[in-house]
Amino acid sequence: MAATSRIVFNVGGPGFHPVREQALRIQQWLGDKFTYEVRDGLDAFEALEGCDLLVLMGLHWTGWKEEKTERSLYHPMEDRHKKAFEAYVASGRPLIAHHGTIASYDDWPRYGELIGFTWVWGKTSHSPVSDHLVRIHRSTHPLVKDLDDYTIHDELYYDIQTTPGLSTLIHAEAEWQGRALPMIMSAEGGRVEGAGKVVYLANGHDMKAFECAAMQRIWANAVNWALGL
């Protein structure tokens, strides 16, 4: 790994997910031991050469339209973006996927398959935004190092599809309507030959969710584990 790891954040999408602001907050939490690039939508896939960690946060899907005119705001992946993303995953370099990004590029199902976690329109959904208790699965895994159960003001995703054959670990869950819903998940390999680590962080609808004190530790743990630090 390079002495100073280069992290590329994919942002963009509707305003109800303020992912650019969240990406900047994460950079503040992580400090100056990394270098950062924040790129909107497809621009992130133009910046994968020399990228040590790709953080997917943007929500770009076929149904994204301008409210007043109904004009489509969606820009589909071109072949070069698809090839760059697949090559990145196949290179063994890590991914962190955040909240709504798993619903992106729904006209190219391979996107979700390569992440390992997919929002399936018509099946996957979320709870109302409210205060929810997230319980940590106690283990020696670095993702839950120094993490205690936390309460977060957020929406909880459920019925997320995982890529067939992918062996996932669940590190934290929140209960809603009698169901235990995974909030922090990880996997290694699968998806495509040569694939490395992936983390999915389901929490983080808006900046109020980012006020939860545990989020800083969660992101530090995720980045450090992904980069092998």
Protein backbone atom coordinates (compact mmCIF):
# COMPACT_ATOMS: atom_id res chain seq x y z
CA MET A 1 0.00 0.00 0.00
CA ALA A 2 1.23 3.49 -0.79
CA ALA A 3 2.63 5.51 2.10
CA THR A 4 -0.29 7.90 1.72
CA SER A 5 -3.35 6.03 0.56
CA ARG A 6 -5.56 7.77 -2.01
CA ILE A 7 -9.28 7.57 -1.29
CA VAL A 8 -11.85 8.42 -3.99
CA PHE A 9 -15.39 9.28 -2.89
CA ASN A 10 -18.26 8.81 -5.34
CA VAL A 11 -21.00 11.30 -4.45
CA GLY A 12 -24.01 12.95 -6.07
CA GLY A 13 -27.72 12.28 -6.32
CA PRO A 14 -30.84 13.80 -4.74
CA GLY A 15 -30.53 16.24 -1.88
CA PHE A 16 -32.22 14.04 0.70
CA HIS A 17 -28.92 12.14 0.86
CA PRO A 18 -26.31 14.89 1.46
CA VAL A 19 -23.44 12.61 0.53
CA ARG A 20 -20.97 15.31 -0.54
CA GLU A 21 -21.27 16.93 2.87
CA GLN A 22 -21.00 13.52 4.50
CA ALA A 23 -17.86 12.72 2.53
CA LEU A 24 -16.27 15.96 3.75
CA ARG A 25 -17.24 15.10 7.33
CA ILE A 26 -15.61 11.67 6.96
CA GLN A 27 -12.42 13.34 5.74
CA GLN A 28 -12.43 15.55 8.83
CA TRP A 29 -12.78 12.48 11.00
CA LEU A 30 -9.98 10.61 9.25
CA GLY A 31 -7.53 13.52 9.22
CA ASP A 32 -4.53 14.14 7.00
CA LYS A 33 -2.99 10.68 6.86
CA PHE A 34 -4.81 10.03 3.56
CA THR A 35 -5.32 11.97 0.34
CA TYR A 36 -8.89 12.46 -0.87
CA GLU A 37 -10.83 13.12 -4.04
CA VAL A 38 -14.58 13.75 -4.05
CA ARG A 39 -16.10 13.13 -7.48
CA ASP A 40 -19.69 13.31 -8.65
CA GLY A 41 -21.26 10.29 -10.30
CA LEU A 42 -19.42 8.88 -13.29
CA ASP A 43 -16.37 11.06 -12.66
CA ALA A 44 -15.37 8.73 -9.84
CA PHE A 45 -14.95 5.86 -12.29
CA GLU A 46 -12.62 8.04 -14.35
CA ALA A 47 -10.31 8.33 -11.32
CA LEU A 48 -9.63 4.71 -10.38
CA GLU A 49 -6.06 4.53 -11.63
CA GLY A 50 -3.92 4.85 -8.53
CA CYS A 51 -6.96 4.71 -6.25
CA ASP A 52 -6.33 2.68 -3.08
CA LEU A 53 -9.89 2.79 -1.73
CA LEU A 54 -13.14 3.57 -3.54
CA VAL A 55 -15.95 4.82 -1.30
CA LEU A 56 -19.34 4.63 -3.03
CA MET A 57 -21.86 7.07 -1.56
CA GLY A 58 -23.82 8.59 -4.45
CA LEU A 59 -27.36 7.61 -5.40
CA HIS A 60 -27.71 7.57 -9.20
CA TRP A 61 -30.67 5.57 -10.49
CA THR A 62 -32.96 5.51 -13.50
CA GLY A 63 -35.87 7.09 -11.64
CA TRP A 64 -33.97 10.23 -10.58
CA LYS A 65 -35.79 13.21 -12.08
CA GLU A 66 -35.97 16.94 -11.59
CA GLU A 67 -39.03 17.60 -9.46
CA LYS A 68 -40.59 20.45 -11.45
CA THR A 69 -39.94 19.34 -15.02
CA GLU A 70 -39.63 15.56 -14.64
CA ARG A 71 -36.43 15.82 -16.69
CA SER A 72 -34.19 12.82 -16.10
CA LEU A 73 -31.08 13.59 -14.08
CA TYR A 74 -29.68 10.10 -14.46
CA HIS A 75 -26.48 9.48 -16.41
CA PRO A 76 -25.96 5.77 -17.15
CA MET A 77 -22.56 4.15 -17.05
CA GLU A 78 -20.80 3.97 -20.37
CA ASP A 79 -18.74 0.92 -21.30
CA ARG A 80 -15.53 2.52 -20.10
CA HIS A 81 -17.01 3.14 -16.65
CA LYS A 82 -18.26 -0.42 -16.39
CA LYS A 83 -14.89 -1.83 -17.43
CA ALA A 84 -13.03 0.46 -15.04
CA PHE A 85 -15.22 -0.52 -12.11
CA GLU A 86 -15.03 -4.24 -12.84
CA ALA A 87 -11.25 -4.01 -13.25
CA TYR A 88 -10.96 -2.13 -9.96
CA VAL A 89 -12.86 -4.83 -8.06
CA ALA A 90 -10.97 -7.63 -9.82
CA SER A 91 -7.67 -6.01 -8.83
CA GLY A 92 -8.34 -6.84 -5.19
CA ARG A 93 -8.55 -3.22 -4.10
CA PRO A 94 -11.20 -2.52 -1.43
CA LEU A 95 -14.64 -0.94 -1.53
CA ILE A 96 -16.75 0.79 1.07
CA ALA A 97 -20.41 1.20 0.09
CA HIS A 98 -22.61 3.61 2.01
CA HIS A 99 -26.38 3.66 2.53
CA GLY A 100 -28.27 4.41 -0.72
CA THR A 101 -25.48 3.81 -3.20
CA ILE A 102 -26.53 0.16 -3.51
CA ALA A 103 -29.61 1.37 -5.45
CA SER A 104 -27.48 3.10 -8.10
CA TYR A 105 -27.07 2.17 -11.78
CA ASP A 106 -30.07 -0.16 -11.63
CA ASP A 107 -30.04 -0.51 -15.42
CA TRP A 108 -26.71 -2.35 -15.02
CA PRO A 109 -27.28 -5.10 -12.42
CA ARG A 110 -23.58 -5.91 -12.44
CA TYR A 111 -22.98 -2.77 -10.36
CA GLY A 112 -24.69 -4.25 -7.31
CA GLU A 113 -23.18 -7.66 -7.95
CA LEU A 114 -19.68 -6.18 -7.90
CA ILE A 115 -20.36 -4.37 -4.64
CA GLY A 116 -21.92 -7.47 -3.14
CA PHE A 117 -25.04 -5.70 -1.86
CA THR A 118 -27.98 -4.45 -3.94
CA TRP A 119 -31.18 -2.52 -3.37
CA VAL A 120 -33.85 -4.36 -5.38
CA TRP A 121 -36.58 -1.96 -6.48
CA GLY A 122 -39.98 -3.30 -5.49
CA LYS A 123 -38.50 -5.53 -2.76
CA THR A 124 -35.94 -3.67 -0.70
CA SER A 125 -37.33 -0.84 1.43
CA HIS A 126 -36.68 1.10 4.61
CA SER A 127 -38.28 1.98 7.91
CA PRO A 128 -39.44 5.49 8.78
CA VAL A 129 -36.72 7.83 10.00
CA SER A 130 -36.65 7.55 13.77
CA ASP A 131 -34.36 6.77 16.69
CA HIS A 132 -33.12 3.18 16.43
CA LEU A 133 -30.87 1.12 18.66
CA VAL A 134 -28.06 -0.65 16.80
CA ARG A 135 -26.54 -3.63 18.58
CA ILE A 136 -22.93 -4.61 17.91
CA HIS A 137 -22.06 -8.27 17.39
CA ARG A 138 -19.18 -8.76 19.80
CA SER A 139 -16.14 -10.19 18.05
CA THR A 140 -12.46 -9.60 17.45
CA HIS A 141 -13.11 -8.21 13.96
CA PRO A 142 -11.45 -4.79 13.43
CA LEU A 143 -14.70 -3.32 12.12
CA VAL A 144 -16.21 -3.36 15.60
CA LYS A 145 -13.06 -2.41 17.51
CA ASP A 146 -13.98 -0.07 20.41
CA LEU A 147 -17.61 0.03 19.26
CA ASP A 148 -20.53 -0.17 21.66
CA ASP A 149 -24.25 -0.37 20.92
CA TYR A 150 -25.49 3.00 19.69
CA THR A 151 -28.72 4.87 19.05
CA ILE A 152 -29.01 6.66 15.73
CA HIS A 153 -31.70 8.84 14.12
CA ASP A 154 -31.95 7.14 10.77
CA GLU A 155 -33.90 4.95 8.38
CA LEU A 156 -33.22 1.21 8.38
CA TYR A 157 -32.85 -0.68 5.10
CA TYR A 158 -34.23 -4.20 4.82
CA ASP A 159 -34.41 -7.02 2.28
CA ILE A 160 -31.10 -6.06 0.70
CA GLN A 161 -29.93 -8.65 -1.83
CA THR A 162 -26.42 -10.06 -1.51
CA THR A 163 -24.52 -11.37 -4.50
CA PRO A 164 -25.11 -15.13 -4.86
CA GLY A 165 -22.26 -17.14 -3.36
CA LEU A 166 -20.86 -14.21 -1.39
CA SER A 167 -20.03 -15.11 2.20
CA THR A 168 -20.87 -12.09 4.34
CA LEU A 169 -20.27 -11.21 7.98
CA ILE A 170 -22.83 -9.18 9.91
CA HIS A 171 -21.25 -6.95 12.54
CA ALA A 172 -24.23 -4.91 13.76
CA GLU A 173 -28.01 -5.12 13.58
CA ALA A 174 -31.03 -2.98 14.45
CA GLU A 175 -34.43 -4.44 15.24
CA TRP A 176 -37.55 -3.19 13.50
CA GLN A 177 -40.99 -4.83 13.47
CA GLY A 178 -39.53 -7.96 15.01
CA ARG A 179 -36.76 -8.30 12.42
CA ALA A 180 -33.01 -7.99 12.94
CA LEU A 181 -31.72 -5.79 10.11
CA PRO A 182 -27.98 -5.74 9.27
CA MET A 183 -26.37 -2.31 9.59
CA ILE A 184 -22.67 -3.16 9.17
CA MET A 185 -21.63 -5.97 6.84
CA SER A 186 -18.39 -7.10 5.26
CA ALA A 187 -17.07 -9.71 2.87
CA GLU A 188 -13.87 -10.72 1.15
CA GLY A 189 -13.58 -12.20 -2.33
CA GLY A 190 -16.57 -13.43 -4.29
CA ARG A 191 -18.24 -11.15 -6.87
CA VAL A 192 -15.47 -11.59 -9.45
CA GLU A 193 -12.14 -13.43 -9.55
CA GLY A 194 -9.52 -11.47 -7.62
CA ALA A 195 -11.98 -9.39 -5.57
CA GLY A 196 -10.82 -8.09 -2.21
CA LYS A 197 -12.54 -6.53 0.79
CA VAL A 198 -15.91 -4.82 0.81
CA VAL A 199 -17.76 -3.08 3.65
CA TYR A 200 -21.39 -2.04 3.52
CA LEU A 201 -22.46 0.65 6.01
CA ALA A 202 -26.24 0.94 5.95
CA ASN A 203 -26.55 3.82 8.41
CA GLY A 204 -26.34 7.42 7.27
CA HIS A 205 -29.49 8.87 5.67
CA ASP A 206 -28.64 12.49 6.44
CA MET A 207 -26.41 14.75 8.49
CA LYS A 208 -28.47 14.16 11.63
CA ALA A 209 -27.55 10.48 11.37
CA PHE A 210 -23.91 11.59 11.14
CA GLU A 211 -24.30 13.37 14.48
CA CYS A 212 -24.32 9.94 16.13
CA ALA A 213 -20.98 9.72 17.93
CA ALA A 214 -20.46 6.11 16.85
CA MET A 215 -20.30 7.08 13.17
CA GLN A 216 -16.80 8.50 13.49
CA ARG A 217 -15.48 5.24 14.94
CA ILE A 218 -17.41 3.16 12.40
CA TRP A 219 -15.86 5.03 9.48
CA ALA A 220 -12.36 4.97 10.95
CA ASN A 221 -12.62 1.23 11.52
CA ALA A 222 -14.01 0.62 8.03
CA VAL A 223 -11.31 2.62 6.27
CA ASN A 224 -8.48 1.14 8.34
CA TRP A 225 -9.67 -2.44 7.83
CA ALA A 226 -10.27 -1.92 4.12
CA LEU A 227 -6.74 -0.56 3.67
CA GLY A 228 -5.17 -3.19 5.92
CA LEU A 229 -3.99 -0.65 8.52
